[in-house]
Protein backbone atom coordinates (compact mmCIF):
# COMPACT_ATOMS: atom_id res chain seq x y z
CA MET A 1 2.55 24.91 3.40
CA LYS A 2 2.40 21.23 2.55
CA LYS A 3 0.77 19.47 5.51
CA LEU A 4 -2.81 20.52 6.30
CA LEU A 5 -4.70 19.21 9.33
CA VAL A 6 -8.47 19.19 8.93
CA PRO A 7 -10.48 18.31 12.02
CA THR A 8 -13.97 17.05 11.20
CA ASP A 9 -17.18 16.45 13.07
CA PHE A 10 -18.83 15.35 9.79
CA SER A 11 -21.03 18.44 9.66
CA PRO A 12 -21.64 20.35 6.40
CA VAL A 13 -19.43 23.15 7.77
CA ALA A 14 -16.56 20.68 8.34
CA GLN A 15 -17.12 19.14 4.90
CA ASN A 16 -16.79 22.57 3.32
CA ALA A 17 -13.51 23.18 5.18
CA TYR A 18 -12.29 19.75 4.04
CA GLN A 19 -13.17 20.56 0.42
CA TYR A 20 -11.34 23.88 0.76
CA ALA A 21 -8.27 22.11 2.21
CA LEU A 22 -8.26 19.52 -0.58
CA LYS A 23 -8.25 22.24 -3.21
CA LEU A 24 -5.53 24.15 -1.38
CA ALA A 25 -3.43 20.98 -1.01
CA ARG A 26 -3.84 20.19 -4.71
CA ARG A 27 -2.66 23.68 -5.59
CA VAL A 28 0.50 23.49 -3.40
CA ASP A 29 1.22 19.78 -3.98
CA GLY A 30 0.46 19.11 -0.33
CA GLU A 31 -1.27 16.51 1.78
CA VAL A 32 -4.28 16.49 4.08
CA ILE A 33 -4.59 14.83 7.46
CA LEU A 34 -8.27 14.34 8.21
CA LEU A 35 -8.79 14.08 11.96
CA HIS A 36 -11.84 13.14 13.97
CA VAL A 37 -11.61 13.40 17.73
CA PHE A 38 -14.15 11.13 19.31
CA ASP A 39 -15.61 12.69 22.44
CA ASP A 40 -18.02 10.34 24.23
CA ALA A 41 -20.27 13.32 25.03
CA GLY A 42 -20.89 13.85 21.28
CA MET A 43 -22.10 10.30 20.59
CA GLY A 44 -25.74 11.27 20.10
CA GLU A 45 -24.91 13.59 17.20
CA LEU A 46 -23.14 10.86 15.24
CA LEU A 47 -25.97 8.39 15.58
CA THR A 48 -28.31 10.76 13.76
CA LEU A 49 -26.20 10.56 10.60
CA PRO A 50 -27.09 7.32 8.77
CA ASP A 51 -23.84 7.12 6.79
CA LEU A 52 -21.81 7.25 9.99
CA THR A 53 -23.68 4.72 12.12
CA GLU A 54 -21.02 2.03 11.62
CA PHE A 55 -18.32 4.54 12.52
CA ALA A 56 -20.15 5.69 15.64
CA ILE A 57 -20.79 2.18 16.92
CA ALA A 58 -17.20 1.13 16.30
CA ALA A 59 -15.84 4.30 17.91
CA LYS A 60 -18.05 3.93 20.98
CA THR A 61 -16.79 0.41 21.53
CA ARG A 62 -13.27 1.66 20.79
CA GLU A 63 -12.86 -0.74 17.90
CA THR A 64 -10.39 1.62 16.29
CA GLU A 65 -9.64 -0.41 13.16
CA ARG A 66 -13.33 -0.88 12.40
CA ALA A 67 -14.00 2.81 13.00
CA LEU A 68 -11.06 3.81 10.79
CA LYS A 69 -12.36 1.57 8.00
CA ALA A 70 -15.78 3.28 8.15
CA PHE A 71 -14.07 6.70 8.37
CA ARG A 72 -11.96 5.98 5.26
CA GLN A 73 -14.98 4.69 3.36
CA TYR A 74 -17.02 7.80 4.21
CA GLU A 75 -14.15 10.12 3.27
CA GLY A 76 -13.40 8.20 0.07
CA GLN A 77 -16.97 8.64 -1.11
CA LEU A 78 -16.83 12.34 -0.34
CA ARG A 79 -13.49 12.80 -2.12
CA GLU A 80 -14.79 10.88 -5.13
CA GLN A 81 -17.82 13.19 -5.31
CA LEU A 82 -15.45 16.15 -5.24
CA GLY A 83 -13.15 14.68 -7.89
CA MET A 84 -10.11 15.07 -5.64
CA GLN A 85 -8.69 11.52 -5.55
CA GLU A 86 -5.14 12.64 -6.40
CA VAL A 87 -4.59 14.56 -3.15
CA PRO A 88 -2.89 12.38 -0.50
CA VAL A 89 -5.13 12.04 2.56
CA SER A 90 -4.41 10.25 5.80
CA HIS A 91 -7.08 9.47 8.39
CA VAL A 92 -6.64 9.84 12.12
CA LEU A 93 -9.14 8.87 14.78
CA LEU A 94 -8.34 9.90 18.34
CA PHE A 95 -10.21 9.89 21.63
CA GLY A 96 -10.28 12.82 24.05
CA ASN A 97 -11.24 16.45 24.41
CA PRO A 98 -11.62 17.70 20.82
CA ILE A 99 -10.01 21.12 21.27
CA ALA A 100 -7.03 19.95 23.32
CA THR A 101 -6.51 16.95 21.05
CA ILE A 102 -6.61 19.01 17.83
CA VAL A 103 -4.12 21.52 19.23
CA ARG A 104 -1.80 18.82 20.61
CA TYR A 105 -1.89 16.73 17.45
CA GLY A 106 -1.21 19.76 15.23
CA ASN A 107 1.75 20.79 17.36
CA GLU A 108 3.20 17.28 17.73
CA ARG A 109 2.92 16.50 14.00
CA GLU A 110 4.21 19.95 13.07
CA VAL A 111 1.46 20.56 10.56
CA ASP A 112 1.81 23.68 8.45
CA MET A 113 -1.79 24.76 8.96
CA ILE A 114 -5.01 23.69 10.66
CA VAL A 115 -8.04 24.20 8.42
CA MET A 116 -11.39 24.30 10.24
CA GLY A 117 -14.91 25.26 9.34
CA THR A 118 -16.81 27.96 11.14
CA ALA A 119 -20.54 28.61 10.99
CA GLY A 120 -20.83 32.02 12.59
CA GLU A 121 -22.76 31.63 15.77
CA ASN A 122 -26.32 32.71 16.37
CA ASN A 123 -26.62 30.45 19.41
CA PRO A 124 -26.34 32.55 22.62
CA VAL A 125 -24.51 29.79 24.52
CA ARG A 126 -21.87 29.50 21.79
CA ARG A 127 -21.54 33.30 21.66
CA VAL A 128 -20.58 33.28 25.35
CA LEU A 129 -18.44 30.13 25.39
CA GLY A 130 -17.05 30.38 21.87
CA THR A 131 -16.76 27.73 19.20
CA GLN A 132 -14.23 24.94 18.87
CA THR A 133 -12.60 26.85 16.03
CA GLU A 134 -12.18 29.94 18.21
CA HIS A 135 -10.64 27.84 20.98
CA VAL A 136 -8.23 26.18 18.56
CA LEU A 137 -7.32 29.63 17.16
CA ALA A 138 -6.54 30.80 20.69
CA HIS A 139 -4.40 27.81 21.69
CA ALA A 140 -2.72 26.41 18.57
CA LYS A 141 0.92 27.13 17.86
CA ARG A 142 0.20 26.61 14.16
CA PRO A 143 -1.63 28.90 11.75
CA VAL A 144 -5.37 28.23 11.70
CA LEU A 145 -7.51 28.95 8.68
CA ALA A 146 -11.17 29.37 9.66
CA VAL A 147 -13.32 28.64 6.60
CA PRO A 148 -16.84 30.10 6.77
CA GLN A 149 -19.57 27.63 5.92
CA ASP A 150 -20.52 29.13 2.55
CA VAL A 151 -17.06 30.04 1.23
CA GLU A 152 -15.78 28.34 -1.90
CA PHE A 153 -12.10 27.98 -2.80
């Protein structure tokens, strides 16, 4: 288990899953692929996060290099705060349906595991339709580790 794919929507739940994956990767001498799938329908959420405004604007205009630069900067600051600079991390920004893109990317890149955060849903709509993590669990051909929001490695 050397190659871990961590999809992120920049939420605290996703950050916790990322931290968990970094610690797991450090323990097994592995690497992390941090993936954000930009879905135009989710644009409003990104604009509410001040640290990600540059990323959101660049992504909306499909200025991929500019968005990747902002993505790397954001992630670098987070990894520095966690003291995990030694773990190799690559950054991937894709456009499309998040669930389908996560599953496809994980399968195509033959990752060893997909690590995703899960919040436990109290929202009635999400209880009926399910979460992105549940959909990825159902469709991925790779193992998926669902990390609850408050779990520590």
